């Protein structure tokens, strides 16, 4: 498709030398387009993660982009409760996960990303005391570089090809470059606009703010001791 958009022969046996250039252009714009918009069809409700008593760190779901986590809840007694991101010294001062004998409490109230021997993992706070909680994440699935001919493009193929062609034409200072750039930009706006349409949003009472609120409202956690 990219060859034909550039006005070249679509025969893969012709122009083999420029394959690395074409592949790089496709992967470059593919990554950029992925990052520029939260494409709804890439949003996924990932499987629940069972939390274990005394366990602090957990692996992330497969195919989740850990930089594009949108919402995290903890399920307990069949009900989901939003879990905020951010575990720092204030949290450890309340329930010390770093102590020689780490402090435990239920339910889990916060999560964060922690490096564990070079592997990013989910830290939960406080550390659970029982085995009756599940963590679940809504987020954008990760994107892999296109390497093999059988690899599938997760975005619209025409969108990727138009931007890749515009990039190559501009580098070659082709007279067609401005036309290609305009077509690619217009196609992107159309697809982005259609993917962003949705209905009205429900009002949640007593369940904390929606992570999609703009601007987000603050949320307080109240603990009552005997």
N, C-alpha and C. Protein backbone atom coordinates (compact mmCIF):
# COMPACT_ATOMS: atom_id res chain seq x y z
N UNK A 1 0.83 -1.21 0.00
CA UNK A 1 0.00 0.00 0.00
C UNK A 1 0.87 1.26 0.00
N UNK A 2 1.94 1.22 0.78
CA UNK A 2 2.81 2.39 0.84
C UNK A 2 3.52 2.61 -0.49
N UNK A 3 3.98 1.55 -1.11
CA UNK A 3 4.62 1.67 -2.43
C UNK A 3 3.67 2.32 -3.43
N UNK A 4 2.45 1.86 -3.45
CA UNK A 4 1.48 2.38 -4.42
C UNK A 4 1.12 3.83 -4.12
N UNK A 5 1.07 4.18 -2.84
CA UNK A 5 0.78 5.57 -2.46
C UNK A 5 1.91 6.50 -2.90
N UNK A 6 3.13 5.96 -2.97
CA UNK A 6 4.28 6.73 -3.41
C UNK A 6 4.45 6.72 -4.93
N UNK A 7 3.55 6.01 -5.62
CA UNK A 7 3.64 5.94 -7.07
C UNK A 7 4.66 4.96 -7.57
N UNK A 8 5.00 3.98 -6.73
CA UNK A 8 5.97 2.97 -7.12
C UNK A 8 5.26 1.66 -7.43
N UNK A 9 6.01 0.71 -7.95
CA UNK A 9 5.45 -0.60 -8.24
C UNK A 9 5.13 -1.32 -6.93
N UNK A 10 4.00 -2.00 -6.92
CA UNK A 10 3.62 -2.76 -5.74
C UNK A 10 4.26 -4.13 -5.68
N UNK A 11 5.04 -4.48 -6.67
CA UNK A 11 5.72 -5.77 -6.72
C UNK A 11 6.81 -5.80 -5.65
N UNK A 12 6.70 -6.72 -4.70
CA UNK A 12 7.66 -6.77 -3.59
C UNK A 12 9.06 -7.16 -4.05
N UNK A 13 9.18 -7.72 -5.25
CA UNK A 13 10.50 -8.11 -5.75
C UNK A 13 11.25 -6.94 -6.36
N UNK A 14 10.55 -5.80 -6.51
CA UNK A 14 11.16 -4.62 -7.10
C UNK A 14 11.45 -3.60 -5.99
N UNK A 15 12.63 -3.04 -6.01
CA UNK A 15 12.98 -2.04 -5.00
C UNK A 15 13.17 -2.60 -3.62
N UNK A 16 13.80 -3.77 -3.53
CA UNK A 16 14.02 -4.40 -2.23
C UNK A 16 14.94 -3.55 -1.36
N UNK A 17 15.84 -2.80 -1.97
CA UNK A 17 16.82 -2.02 -1.21
C UNK A 17 16.17 -0.96 -0.33
N UNK A 18 14.99 -0.47 -0.72
CA UNK A 18 14.39 0.60 0.07
C UNK A 18 13.40 0.07 1.12
N UNK A 19 13.34 -1.25 1.29
CA UNK A 19 12.44 -1.82 2.29
C UNK A 19 12.71 -1.30 3.70
N UNK A 20 13.98 -1.21 4.14
CA UNK A 20 14.23 -0.68 5.49
C UNK A 20 13.67 0.73 5.68
N UNK A 21 13.75 1.55 4.63
CA UNK A 21 13.25 2.92 4.72
C UNK A 21 11.73 2.92 4.85
N UNK A 22 11.07 2.08 4.06
CA UNK A 22 9.61 1.99 4.11
C UNK A 22 9.15 1.44 5.46
N UNK A 23 9.84 0.41 5.94
CA UNK A 23 9.47 -0.19 7.23
C UNK A 23 9.65 0.81 8.38
N UNK A 24 10.74 1.56 8.33
CA UNK A 24 10.99 2.54 9.39
C UNK A 24 9.93 3.64 9.37
N UNK A 25 9.57 4.09 8.16
CA UNK A 25 8.54 5.14 8.05
C UNK A 25 7.21 4.66 8.61
N UNK A 26 6.84 3.42 8.30
CA UNK A 26 5.58 2.87 8.79
C UNK A 26 5.59 2.77 10.31
N UNK A 27 6.66 2.23 10.88
CA UNK A 27 6.72 2.06 12.33
C UNK A 27 6.80 3.41 13.06
N UNK A 28 7.47 4.37 12.45
CA UNK A 28 7.59 5.69 13.09
C UNK A 28 6.22 6.36 13.21
N UNK A 29 5.46 6.40 12.14
CA UNK A 29 4.15 7.07 12.20
C UNK A 29 3.14 6.21 12.97
N UNK A 30 3.30 4.91 12.91
CA UNK A 30 2.42 4.00 13.65
C UNK A 30 2.50 4.29 15.14
N UNK A 31 3.71 4.43 15.67
CA UNK A 31 3.91 4.73 17.08
C UNK A 31 3.38 6.11 17.42
N UNK A 32 3.63 7.08 16.54
CA UNK A 32 3.20 8.45 16.80
C UNK A 32 1.67 8.56 16.83
N UNK A 33 1.00 7.94 15.86
CA UNK A 33 -0.46 7.98 15.81
C UNK A 33 -1.07 7.27 17.02
N UNK A 34 -0.43 6.21 17.47
CA UNK A 34 -0.90 5.48 18.65
C UNK A 34 -0.85 6.38 19.89
N UNK A 35 0.20 7.19 19.99
CA UNK A 35 0.38 8.03 21.16
C UNK A 35 -0.46 9.30 21.12
N UNK A 36 -0.86 9.72 19.94
CA UNK A 36 -1.56 11.00 19.80
C UNK A 36 -3.02 10.95 20.19
N UNK A 37 -3.58 9.78 20.35
CA UNK A 37 -5.02 9.69 20.64
C UNK A 37 -5.32 8.41 21.41
N UNK A 38 -6.26 8.50 22.34
CA UNK A 38 -6.70 7.30 23.07
C UNK A 38 -7.79 6.61 22.25
N UNK A 39 -7.36 5.79 21.30
CA UNK A 39 -8.30 5.12 20.41
C UNK A 39 -9.20 4.18 21.22
N UNK A 40 -10.51 4.39 21.18
CA UNK A 40 -11.42 3.59 22.02
C UNK A 40 -11.34 2.09 21.76
N UNK A 41 -11.07 1.69 20.52
CA UNK A 41 -11.03 0.26 20.22
C UNK A 41 -9.79 -0.42 20.79
N UNK A 42 -8.85 0.37 21.34
CA UNK A 42 -7.68 -0.20 21.99
C UNK A 42 -7.86 -0.23 23.52
N UNK A 43 -9.00 0.28 24.00
CA UNK A 43 -9.28 0.28 25.44
C UNK A 43 -9.78 -1.11 25.84
N UNK A 44 -9.27 -1.60 26.95
CA UNK A 44 -9.62 -2.96 27.37
C UNK A 44 -9.84 -3.03 28.88
N UNK A 45 -10.83 -3.83 29.26
CA UNK A 45 -11.01 -4.17 30.67
C UNK A 45 -10.21 -5.44 30.90
N UNK A 46 -9.12 -5.32 31.61
CA UNK A 46 -8.20 -6.45 31.77
C UNK A 46 -8.69 -7.40 32.87
N UNK A 47 -8.28 -8.66 32.81
CA UNK A 47 -8.72 -9.65 33.80
C UNK A 47 -8.37 -9.22 35.22
N UNK A 48 -9.16 -9.67 36.17
CA UNK A 48 -8.93 -9.35 37.57
C UNK A 48 -7.63 -10.00 38.06
N UNK A 49 -6.98 -9.30 38.98
CA UNK A 49 -5.76 -9.80 39.62
C UNK A 49 -6.11 -10.14 41.06
N UNK A 50 -6.00 -11.39 41.43
CA UNK A 50 -6.32 -11.80 42.79
C UNK A 50 -5.22 -11.33 43.74
N UNK A 51 -5.62 -10.61 44.79
CA UNK A 51 -4.67 -10.13 45.78
C UNK A 51 -4.55 -11.14 46.92
N UNK A 52 -3.32 -11.36 47.34
CA UNK A 52 -3.06 -12.36 48.37
C UNK A 52 -2.63 -11.69 49.67
N UNK A 53 -3.02 -12.28 50.78
CA UNK A 53 -2.65 -11.76 52.09
C UNK A 53 -1.13 -11.68 52.22
N UNK A 54 -0.63 -10.51 52.57
CA UNK A 54 0.80 -10.33 52.78
C UNK A 54 1.59 -10.04 51.53
N UNK A 55 0.97 -10.06 50.35
CA UNK A 55 1.71 -9.82 49.10
C UNK A 55 1.57 -8.37 48.68
N UNK A 56 2.70 -7.75 48.39
CA UNK A 56 2.75 -6.31 48.08
C UNK A 56 2.81 -6.02 46.59
N UNK A 57 3.54 -6.83 45.82
CA UNK A 57 3.78 -6.58 44.40
C UNK A 57 3.09 -7.63 43.53
N UNK A 58 2.61 -7.18 42.35
CA UNK A 58 1.90 -8.05 41.42
C UNK A 58 2.31 -7.69 39.99
N UNK A 59 2.24 -8.67 39.10
CA UNK A 59 2.57 -8.42 37.71
C UNK A 59 1.45 -7.68 36.99
N UNK A 60 1.81 -6.87 36.01
CA UNK A 60 0.83 -6.17 35.20
C UNK A 60 0.17 -7.14 34.22
N UNK A 61 -1.08 -6.87 33.81
CA UNK A 61 -1.71 -7.72 32.80
C UNK A 61 -0.95 -7.70 31.49
N UNK A 62 -0.98 -8.81 30.78
CA UNK A 62 -0.35 -8.88 29.47
C UNK A 62 -1.04 -7.93 28.51
N UNK A 63 -0.26 -7.25 27.66
CA UNK A 63 -0.76 -6.35 26.62
C UNK A 63 -1.23 -5.00 27.15
N UNK A 64 -1.05 -4.72 28.44
CA UNK A 64 -1.42 -3.40 28.97
C UNK A 64 -0.25 -2.45 28.82
N UNK A 65 -0.52 -1.25 28.30
CA UNK A 65 0.48 -0.18 28.30
C UNK A 65 0.45 0.46 29.69
N UNK A 66 1.48 0.23 30.48
CA UNK A 66 1.45 0.67 31.88
C UNK A 66 1.48 2.19 31.99
N UNK A 67 1.81 2.90 30.91
CA UNK A 67 1.78 4.36 30.93
C UNK A 67 0.40 4.90 30.57
N UNK A 68 -0.54 4.01 30.23
CA UNK A 68 -1.86 4.47 29.83
C UNK A 68 -2.96 3.73 30.59
N UNK A 69 -2.73 3.60 31.88
CA UNK A 69 -3.76 3.06 32.77
C UNK A 69 -4.79 4.15 33.02
N UNK A 70 -6.06 3.83 32.83
CA UNK A 70 -7.11 4.84 32.96
C UNK A 70 -7.90 4.73 34.25
N UNK A 71 -8.14 3.52 34.72
CA UNK A 71 -8.93 3.36 35.93
C UNK A 71 -8.55 2.04 36.60
N UNK A 72 -8.48 2.10 37.94
CA UNK A 72 -8.16 0.90 38.72
C UNK A 72 -9.18 0.80 39.85
N UNK A 73 -9.72 -0.38 40.03
CA UNK A 73 -10.66 -0.62 41.13
C UNK A 73 -10.23 -1.87 41.88
N UNK A 74 -10.69 -1.97 43.12
CA UNK A 74 -10.51 -3.19 43.88
C UNK A 74 -11.91 -3.76 44.13
N UNK A 75 -12.06 -5.04 43.81
CA UNK A 75 -13.34 -5.74 44.02
C UNK A 75 -13.29 -6.43 45.37
N UNK A 76 -14.34 -6.17 46.18
CA UNK A 76 -14.46 -6.84 47.47
C UNK A 76 -15.95 -7.01 47.76
N UNK A 77 -16.34 -8.21 48.09
CA UNK A 77 -17.76 -8.52 48.34
C UNK A 77 -18.64 -8.17 47.13
N UNK A 78 -18.08 -8.37 45.94
CA UNK A 78 -18.85 -8.16 44.72
C UNK A 78 -19.01 -6.72 44.31
N UNK A 79 -18.33 -5.78 44.99
CA UNK A 79 -18.46 -4.36 44.68
C UNK A 79 -17.11 -3.77 44.31
N UNK A 80 -17.06 -2.90 43.25
CA UNK A 80 -15.81 -2.26 42.87
C UNK A 80 -15.66 -0.90 43.57
N UNK A 81 -14.47 -0.65 44.09
CA UNK A 81 -14.15 0.64 44.72
C UNK A 81 -12.93 1.22 44.02
N UNK A 82 -13.01 2.48 43.56
CA UNK A 82 -11.86 3.10 42.89
C UNK A 82 -10.62 3.13 43.78
N UNK A 83 -9.48 2.86 43.18
CA UNK A 83 -8.20 2.89 43.88
C UNK A 83 -7.35 3.99 43.24
N UNK A 84 -6.85 4.92 44.05
CA UNK A 84 -6.08 6.04 43.51
C UNK A 84 -4.63 5.61 43.28
N UNK A 85 -3.96 6.33 42.39
CA UNK A 85 -2.55 6.06 42.14
C UNK A 85 -1.69 7.00 42.97
N UNK A 86 -0.66 6.44 43.57
CA UNK A 86 0.27 7.23 44.34
C UNK A 86 0.54 6.64 45.71
N UNK A 87 1.74 6.09 45.91
CA UNK A 87 2.15 5.56 47.20
C UNK A 87 3.50 6.19 47.53
N UNK A 88 3.53 6.97 48.61
CA UNK A 88 4.76 7.66 48.98
C UNK A 88 4.92 7.63 50.50
N UNK A 89 5.73 8.57 51.02
CA UNK A 89 6.07 8.53 52.44
C UNK A 89 4.86 8.75 53.34
N UNK A 90 3.91 9.58 52.91
CA UNK A 90 2.72 9.79 53.73
C UNK A 90 1.95 8.49 53.94
N UNK A 91 1.87 7.70 52.87
CA UNK A 91 1.17 6.41 52.99
C UNK A 91 1.94 5.46 53.90
N UNK A 92 3.26 5.40 53.73
CA UNK A 92 4.05 4.49 54.55
C UNK A 92 4.03 4.90 56.02
N UNK A 93 3.82 6.21 56.28
CA UNK A 93 3.74 6.66 57.67
C UNK A 93 2.47 6.14 58.34
N UNK A 94 1.46 5.84 57.53
CA UNK A 94 0.21 5.35 58.08
C UNK A 94 0.20 3.83 58.18
N UNK A 95 0.53 3.17 57.08
CA UNK A 95 0.69 1.71 57.08
C UNK A 95 2.03 1.43 56.41
N UNK A 96 3.02 1.07 57.20
CA UNK A 96 4.39 0.97 56.72
C UNK A 96 4.65 -0.35 56.00
N UNK A 97 4.68 -0.28 54.67
CA UNK A 97 4.97 -1.47 53.86
C UNK A 97 6.47 -1.78 53.85
N UNK A 98 7.30 -0.81 54.31
CA UNK A 98 8.75 -0.97 54.29
C UNK A 98 9.28 -1.50 55.62
N UNK A 99 8.43 -1.65 56.61
CA UNK A 99 8.88 -2.09 57.93
C UNK A 99 9.42 -3.53 57.88
N UNK A 100 10.21 -3.89 58.89
CA UNK A 100 10.73 -5.26 58.98
C UNK A 100 9.57 -6.25 58.96
N UNK A 101 8.54 -5.93 59.70
CA UNK A 101 7.29 -6.68 59.63
C UNK A 101 6.26 -5.75 59.01
N UNK A 102 6.07 -5.81 57.69
CA UNK A 102 5.18 -4.86 57.01
C UNK A 102 3.78 -4.85 57.60
N UNK A 103 3.22 -3.64 57.73
CA UNK A 103 1.88 -3.50 58.27
C UNK A 103 0.84 -3.83 57.20
N UNK A 104 -0.24 -4.44 57.63
CA UNK A 104 -1.30 -4.84 56.71
C UNK A 104 -2.62 -4.20 57.11
N UNK A 105 -3.51 -4.03 56.13
CA UNK A 105 -4.85 -3.52 56.41
C UNK A 105 -5.71 -3.74 55.17
N UNK A 106 -6.99 -3.78 55.39
CA UNK A 106 -7.95 -3.91 54.29
C UNK A 106 -8.93 -2.74 54.35
N UNK A 107 -9.43 -2.26 53.21
CA UNK A 107 -9.12 -2.73 51.85
C UNK A 107 -7.91 -2.00 51.27
N UNK A 108 -7.49 -2.42 50.08
CA UNK A 108 -6.45 -1.71 49.35
C UNK A 108 -6.99 -0.33 48.94
N UNK A 109 -6.19 0.72 49.15
CA UNK A 109 -6.63 2.08 48.89
C UNK A 109 -5.86 2.78 47.77
N UNK A 110 -4.64 2.30 47.49
CA UNK A 110 -3.80 2.97 46.49
C UNK A 110 -2.93 1.95 45.76
N UNK A 111 -2.46 2.37 44.59
CA UNK A 111 -1.56 1.54 43.81
C UNK A 111 -0.50 2.43 43.18
N UNK A 112 0.59 1.83 42.73
CA UNK A 112 1.63 2.57 42.02
C UNK A 112 2.50 1.58 41.26
N UNK A 113 3.40 2.11 40.44
CA UNK A 113 4.33 1.28 39.67
C UNK A 113 5.64 1.22 40.42
N UNK A 114 6.18 0.03 40.58
CA UNK A 114 7.47 -0.14 41.24
C UNK A 114 8.37 -1.04 40.40
N UNK A 115 9.65 -0.69 40.37
CA UNK A 115 10.63 -1.52 39.67
C UNK A 115 11.01 -2.69 40.57
N UNK A 116 10.96 -3.89 40.01
CA UNK A 116 11.35 -5.08 40.75
C UNK A 116 12.34 -5.87 39.92
N UNK A 117 13.62 -5.66 40.21
CA UNK A 117 14.70 -6.35 39.48
C UNK A 117 14.59 -6.10 37.97
N UNK A 118 14.28 -4.86 37.61
CA UNK A 118 14.21 -4.49 36.21
C UNK A 118 12.86 -4.70 35.56
N UNK A 119 11.90 -5.22 36.32
CA UNK A 119 10.56 -5.47 35.79
C UNK A 119 9.55 -4.59 36.52
N UNK A 120 8.77 -3.78 35.79
CA UNK A 120 7.76 -2.96 36.45
C UNK A 120 6.63 -3.82 37.00
N UNK A 121 6.25 -3.56 38.24
CA UNK A 121 5.16 -4.29 38.88
C UNK A 121 4.19 -3.33 39.56
N UNK A 122 3.03 -3.86 39.93
CA UNK A 122 2.02 -3.08 40.64
C UNK A 122 2.27 -3.23 42.14
N UNK A 123 2.42 -2.09 42.82
CA UNK A 123 2.45 -2.13 44.28
C UNK A 123 1.07 -1.73 44.79
N UNK A 124 0.55 -2.46 45.74
CA UNK A 124 -0.72 -2.10 46.36
C UNK A 124 -0.46 -1.67 47.80
N UNK A 125 -1.31 -0.73 48.27
CA UNK A 125 -1.19 -0.21 49.63
C UNK A 125 -2.56 0.01 50.21
N UNK A 126 -2.81 -0.37 51.46
CA UNK A 126 -1.93 -1.17 52.33
C UNK A 126 -1.82 -2.61 51.83
N UNK A 127 -0.85 -3.31 52.33
CA UNK A 127 -0.71 -4.72 51.99
C UNK A 127 -1.92 -5.48 52.54
N UNK A 128 -2.57 -6.31 51.74
CA UNK A 128 -3.80 -6.99 52.18
C UNK A 128 -3.57 -7.92 53.37
N UNK A 129 -4.62 -8.03 54.18
CA UNK A 129 -4.57 -8.97 55.30
C UNK A 129 -5.31 -10.26 54.98
N UNK A 130 -6.16 -10.22 53.95
CA UNK A 130 -6.95 -11.40 53.59
C UNK A 130 -6.86 -11.67 52.10
N UNK A 131 -7.50 -12.75 51.66
CA UNK A 131 -7.46 -13.14 50.25
C UNK A 131 -8.79 -12.88 49.54
N UNK A 132 -9.49 -11.83 49.95
CA UNK A 132 -10.83 -11.60 49.42
C UNK A 132 -10.94 -10.36 48.53
N UNK A 133 -9.82 -9.91 47.95
CA UNK A 133 -9.84 -8.73 47.08
C UNK A 133 -9.26 -9.06 45.70
N UNK A 134 -9.80 -8.39 44.69
CA UNK A 134 -9.29 -8.50 43.32
C UNK A 134 -9.06 -7.10 42.78
N UNK A 135 -7.94 -6.91 42.11
CA UNK A 135 -7.63 -5.63 41.46
C UNK A 135 -7.95 -5.75 39.98
N UNK A 136 -8.57 -4.72 39.41
CA UNK A 136 -8.89 -4.76 37.98
C UNK A 136 -8.58 -3.40 37.35
N UNK A 137 -8.09 -3.46 36.12
CA UNK A 137 -7.61 -2.26 35.43
C UNK A 137 -8.33 -2.08 34.11
N UNK A 138 -8.66 -0.82 33.81
CA UNK A 138 -9.10 -0.42 32.47
C UNK A 138 -7.99 0.45 31.90
N UNK A 139 -7.55 0.14 30.69
CA UNK A 139 -6.48 0.93 30.09
C UNK A 139 -6.34 0.64 28.61
N UNK A 140 -5.35 1.25 28.01
CA UNK A 140 -5.08 1.10 26.59
C UNK A 140 -4.08 -0.03 26.38
N UNK A 141 -4.39 -0.92 25.45
CA UNK A 141 -3.49 -2.05 25.20
C UNK A 141 -2.19 -1.56 24.59
N UNK A 142 -1.14 -2.29 24.80
CA UNK A 142 0.18 -1.90 24.31
C UNK A 142 0.30 -2.14 22.82
N UNK A 143 1.28 -1.51 22.23
CA UNK A 143 1.52 -1.62 20.79
C UNK A 143 2.91 -2.18 20.56
N UNK A 144 3.01 -3.15 19.65
CA UNK A 144 4.30 -3.76 19.33
C UNK A 144 4.77 -3.28 17.97
N UNK A 145 6.07 -3.15 17.82
CA UNK A 145 6.65 -2.75 16.55
C UNK A 145 6.35 -3.79 15.48
N UNK A 146 6.07 -3.31 14.27
CA UNK A 146 5.81 -4.21 13.15
C UNK A 146 7.14 -4.71 12.60
N UNK A 147 7.32 -6.02 12.66
CA UNK A 147 8.59 -6.61 12.23
C UNK A 147 8.38 -7.61 11.09
N UNK A 148 7.44 -8.52 11.27
CA UNK A 148 7.21 -9.58 10.29
C UNK A 148 6.03 -9.24 9.39
N UNK A 149 6.00 -9.86 8.21
CA UNK A 149 4.92 -9.60 7.25
C UNK A 149 3.56 -9.96 7.82
N UNK A 150 3.52 -10.91 8.74
CA UNK A 150 2.24 -11.35 9.30
C UNK A 150 1.75 -10.47 10.46
N UNK A 151 2.56 -9.48 10.90
CA UNK A 151 2.16 -8.61 12.01
C UNK A 151 0.96 -7.76 11.61
N UNK A 152 0.03 -7.60 12.54
CA UNK A 152 -1.22 -6.88 12.27
C UNK A 152 -1.14 -5.46 12.80
N UNK A 153 -1.54 -4.51 11.98
CA UNK A 153 -1.62 -3.11 12.39
C UNK A 153 -2.90 -2.92 13.20
N UNK A 154 -2.77 -2.37 14.41
CA UNK A 154 -3.93 -2.19 15.28
C UNK A 154 -4.75 -0.96 14.89
N UNK A 155 -4.12 0.02 14.24
CA UNK A 155 -4.82 1.21 13.79
C UNK A 155 -5.30 1.04 12.36
N UNK A 156 -6.03 2.03 11.85
CA UNK A 156 -6.49 1.99 10.47
C UNK A 156 -5.30 1.95 9.52
N UNK A 157 -5.24 0.96 8.62
CA UNK A 157 -4.08 0.81 7.75
C UNK A 157 -3.90 1.98 6.79
N UNK A 158 -5.02 2.54 6.29
CA UNK A 158 -4.91 3.69 5.39
C UNK A 158 -4.32 4.90 6.11
N UNK A 159 -4.68 5.08 7.36
CA UNK A 159 -4.15 6.20 8.13
C UNK A 159 -2.64 6.11 8.27
N UNK A 160 -2.16 4.92 8.61
CA UNK A 160 -0.72 4.72 8.78
C UNK A 160 0.01 4.93 7.46
N UNK A 161 -0.55 4.39 6.38
CA UNK A 161 0.10 4.50 5.08
C UNK A 161 0.14 5.95 4.59
N UNK A 162 -0.95 6.69 4.77
CA UNK A 162 -0.99 8.08 4.33
C UNK A 162 0.07 8.92 5.04
N UNK A 163 0.21 8.74 6.34
CA UNK A 163 1.22 9.51 7.06
C UNK A 163 2.63 9.08 6.70
N UNK A 164 2.84 7.79 6.50
CA UNK A 164 4.16 7.30 6.11
C UNK A 164 4.54 7.84 4.73
N UNK A 165 3.59 7.85 3.79
CA UNK A 165 3.84 8.37 2.45
C UNK A 165 4.14 9.86 2.50
N UNK A 166 3.37 10.60 3.32
CA UNK A 166 3.59 12.04 3.44
C UNK A 166 4.99 12.33 3.98
N UNK A 167 5.43 11.51 4.92
CA UNK A 167 6.75 11.68 5.52
C UNK A 167 7.85 11.46 4.48
N UNK A 168 7.72 10.40 3.69
CA UNK A 168 8.74 10.09 2.67
C UNK A 168 8.73 11.13 1.56
N UNK A 169 7.55 11.54 1.13
CA UNK A 169 7.46 12.54 0.07
C UNK A 169 8.07 13.87 0.51
N UNK A 170 7.87 14.23 1.76
CA UNK A 170 8.44 15.48 2.27
C UNK A 170 9.97 15.40 2.30
N UNK A 171 10.49 14.23 2.69
CA UNK A 171 11.94 14.05 2.72
C UNK A 171 12.53 14.14 1.32
N UNK A 172 11.77 13.66 0.35
CA UNK A 172 12.24 13.70 -1.05
C UNK A 172 11.95 15.03 -1.72
N UNK A 173 11.34 15.97 -0.97
CA UNK A 173 10.98 17.29 -1.50
C UNK A 173 10.10 17.18 -2.75
N UNK A 174 9.19 16.22 -2.69
CA UNK A 174 8.28 16.00 -3.81
C UNK A 174 7.19 17.07 -3.83
N UNK A 175 6.74 17.41 -5.06
CA UNK A 175 5.65 18.37 -5.20
C UNK A 175 4.34 17.83 -4.62
N UNK A 176 4.25 16.52 -4.48
CA UNK A 176 3.04 15.90 -3.93
C UNK A 176 3.01 15.90 -2.40
N UNK A 177 4.11 16.32 -1.78
CA UNK A 177 4.19 16.25 -0.33
C UNK A 177 3.09 17.05 0.38
N UNK A 178 2.83 18.31 0.01
CA UNK A 178 1.76 19.06 0.70
C UNK A 178 0.39 18.40 0.56
N UNK A 179 0.11 17.83 -0.62
CA UNK A 179 -1.18 17.15 -0.82
C UNK A 179 -1.28 15.94 0.09
N UNK A 180 -0.19 15.16 0.15
CA UNK A 180 -0.18 13.98 0.99
C UNK A 180 -0.34 14.32 2.47
N UNK A 181 0.32 15.40 2.91
CA UNK A 181 0.22 15.81 4.30
C UNK A 181 -1.20 16.27 4.64
N UNK A 182 -1.83 17.01 3.71
CA UNK A 182 -3.19 17.50 3.94
C UNK A 182 -4.18 16.34 4.00
N UNK A 183 -4.03 15.37 3.11
CA UNK A 183 -4.92 14.22 3.10
C UNK A 183 -4.77 13.39 4.38
N UNK A 184 -3.53 13.20 4.80
CA UNK A 184 -3.29 12.42 6.02
C UNK A 184 -3.89 13.12 7.24
N UNK A 185 -3.69 14.44 7.33
CA UNK A 185 -4.23 15.19 8.46
C UNK A 185 -5.75 15.17 8.48
N UNK A 186 -6.37 15.31 7.30
CA UNK A 186 -7.83 15.29 7.22
C UNK A 186 -8.38 13.92 7.62
N UNK A 187 -7.73 12.85 7.16
CA UNK A 187 -8.17 11.50 7.47
C UNK A 187 -8.06 11.24 8.98
N UNK A 188 -6.98 11.75 9.57
CA UNK A 188 -6.77 11.58 11.01
C UNK A 188 -7.87 12.28 11.80
N UNK A 189 -8.22 13.50 11.42
CA UNK A 189 -9.27 14.24 12.13
C UNK A 189 -10.62 13.56 12.02
N UNK A 190 -10.90 13.00 10.86
CA UNK A 190 -12.19 12.30 10.67
C UNK A 190 -12.27 11.08 11.57
N UNK A 191 -11.22 10.25 11.56
CA UNK A 191 -11.23 9.04 12.37
C UNK A 191 -11.24 9.37 13.86
N UNK A 192 -10.46 10.37 14.26
CA UNK A 192 -10.40 10.75 15.67
C UNK A 192 -11.75 11.28 16.14
N UNK A 193 -12.41 12.09 15.29
CA UNK A 193 -13.71 12.64 15.65
C UNK A 193 -14.77 11.57 15.81
N UNK A 194 -14.77 10.61 14.90
CA UNK A 194 -15.77 9.53 14.99
C UNK A 194 -15.53 8.64 16.19
N UNK A 195 -14.28 8.41 16.52
CA UNK A 195 -13.98 7.51 17.63
C UNK A 195 -14.26 8.16 18.98
N UNK A 196 -14.37 9.50 19.01
CA UNK A 196 -14.56 10.20 20.27
C UNK A 196 -16.02 10.44 20.62
N UNK A 197 -16.92 10.14 19.69
CA UNK A 197 -18.33 10.39 19.95
C UNK A 197 -18.88 9.38 20.95
N UNK A 198 -19.74 9.87 21.81
CA UNK A 198 -20.34 8.99 22.80
C UNK A 198 -21.59 9.61 23.37
N UNK A 199 -22.26 8.87 24.21
CA UNK A 199 -23.50 9.37 24.80
C UNK A 199 -23.25 10.12 26.09
N UNK A 200 -24.31 10.35 26.84
CA UNK A 200 -24.20 11.07 28.10
C UNK A 200 -23.53 10.19 29.15
N UNK A 201 -22.96 10.84 30.15
CA UNK A 201 -22.24 10.12 31.20
C UNK A 201 -23.08 10.06 32.46
N UNK A 202 -23.04 8.92 33.14
CA UNK A 202 -23.78 8.77 34.38
C UNK A 202 -23.10 9.55 35.50
N UNK A 203 -23.92 10.02 36.44
CA UNK A 203 -23.39 10.66 37.63
C UNK A 203 -23.23 9.60 38.72
N UNK A 204 -22.03 9.52 39.29
CA UNK A 204 -21.74 8.52 40.30
C UNK A 204 -21.77 9.17 41.67
N UNK A 205 -22.62 8.68 42.54
CA UNK A 205 -22.76 9.23 43.88
C UNK A 205 -22.14 8.26 44.88
N UNK A 206 -21.17 8.77 45.63
CA UNK A 206 -20.56 7.96 46.67
C UNK A 206 -19.54 6.96 46.18
N UNK A 207 -19.19 7.02 44.89
CA UNK A 207 -18.23 6.05 44.34
C UNK A 207 -16.93 6.73 43.94
N UNK A 208 -16.76 8.00 44.34
CA UNK A 208 -15.54 8.70 43.97
C UNK A 208 -15.67 9.30 42.58
N UNK A 209 -14.72 10.15 42.18
CA UNK A 209 -14.80 10.82 40.89
C UNK A 209 -14.46 9.89 39.75
N UNK A 210 -15.04 10.15 38.60
CA UNK A 210 -14.65 9.40 37.41
C UNK A 210 -13.27 9.86 36.98
N UNK A 211 -12.39 8.94 36.56
CA UNK A 211 -11.05 9.34 36.11
C UNK A 211 -11.09 10.16 34.83
N UNK A 212 -12.26 10.22 34.17
CA UNK A 212 -12.36 10.97 32.92
C UNK A 212 -12.90 12.37 33.14
N UNK A 213 -13.19 12.75 34.42
CA UNK A 213 -13.72 14.07 34.69
C UNK A 213 -12.69 15.13 34.38
N UNK A 214 -13.12 16.25 33.87
CA UNK A 214 -12.22 17.36 33.58
C UNK A 214 -12.88 18.66 34.04
N UNK A 215 -12.31 19.36 35.07
CA UNK A 215 -11.18 18.89 35.88
C UNK A 215 -11.63 17.86 36.89
N UNK A 216 -10.74 16.97 37.32
CA UNK A 216 -11.14 15.94 38.29
C UNK A 216 -11.39 16.55 39.66
N UNK A 217 -12.33 15.99 40.40
CA UNK A 217 -12.59 16.46 41.76
C UNK A 217 -11.78 15.59 42.73
N UNK A 218 -11.50 16.16 43.87
CA UNK A 218 -10.73 15.43 44.88
C UNK A 218 -11.61 14.39 45.55
N UNK A 219 -10.96 13.41 46.17
CA UNK A 219 -11.68 12.34 46.86
C UNK A 219 -11.06 12.10 48.22
N UNK A 220 -11.88 12.01 49.24
CA UNK A 220 -11.38 11.82 50.60
C UNK A 220 -11.71 10.41 51.07
N UNK A 221 -10.80 9.83 51.83
CA UNK A 221 -11.04 8.54 52.43
C UNK A 221 -11.19 8.73 53.94
N UNK A 222 -12.29 8.28 54.51
CA UNK A 222 -12.56 8.44 55.93
C UNK A 222 -12.43 7.10 56.64
N UNK A 223 -11.61 7.03 57.67
CA UNK A 223 -11.44 5.80 58.44
C UNK A 223 -12.00 6.03 59.83
N UNK A 224 -12.76 5.09 60.32
CA UNK A 224 -13.36 5.20 61.65
C UNK A 224 -12.81 4.07 62.51
N UNK A 225 -12.18 4.44 63.60
CA UNK A 225 -11.60 3.44 64.48
C UNK A 225 -12.43 3.26 65.73
N UNK A 226 -12.34 2.10 66.34
CA UNK A 226 -13.10 1.83 67.55
C UNK A 226 -12.36 2.35 68.77
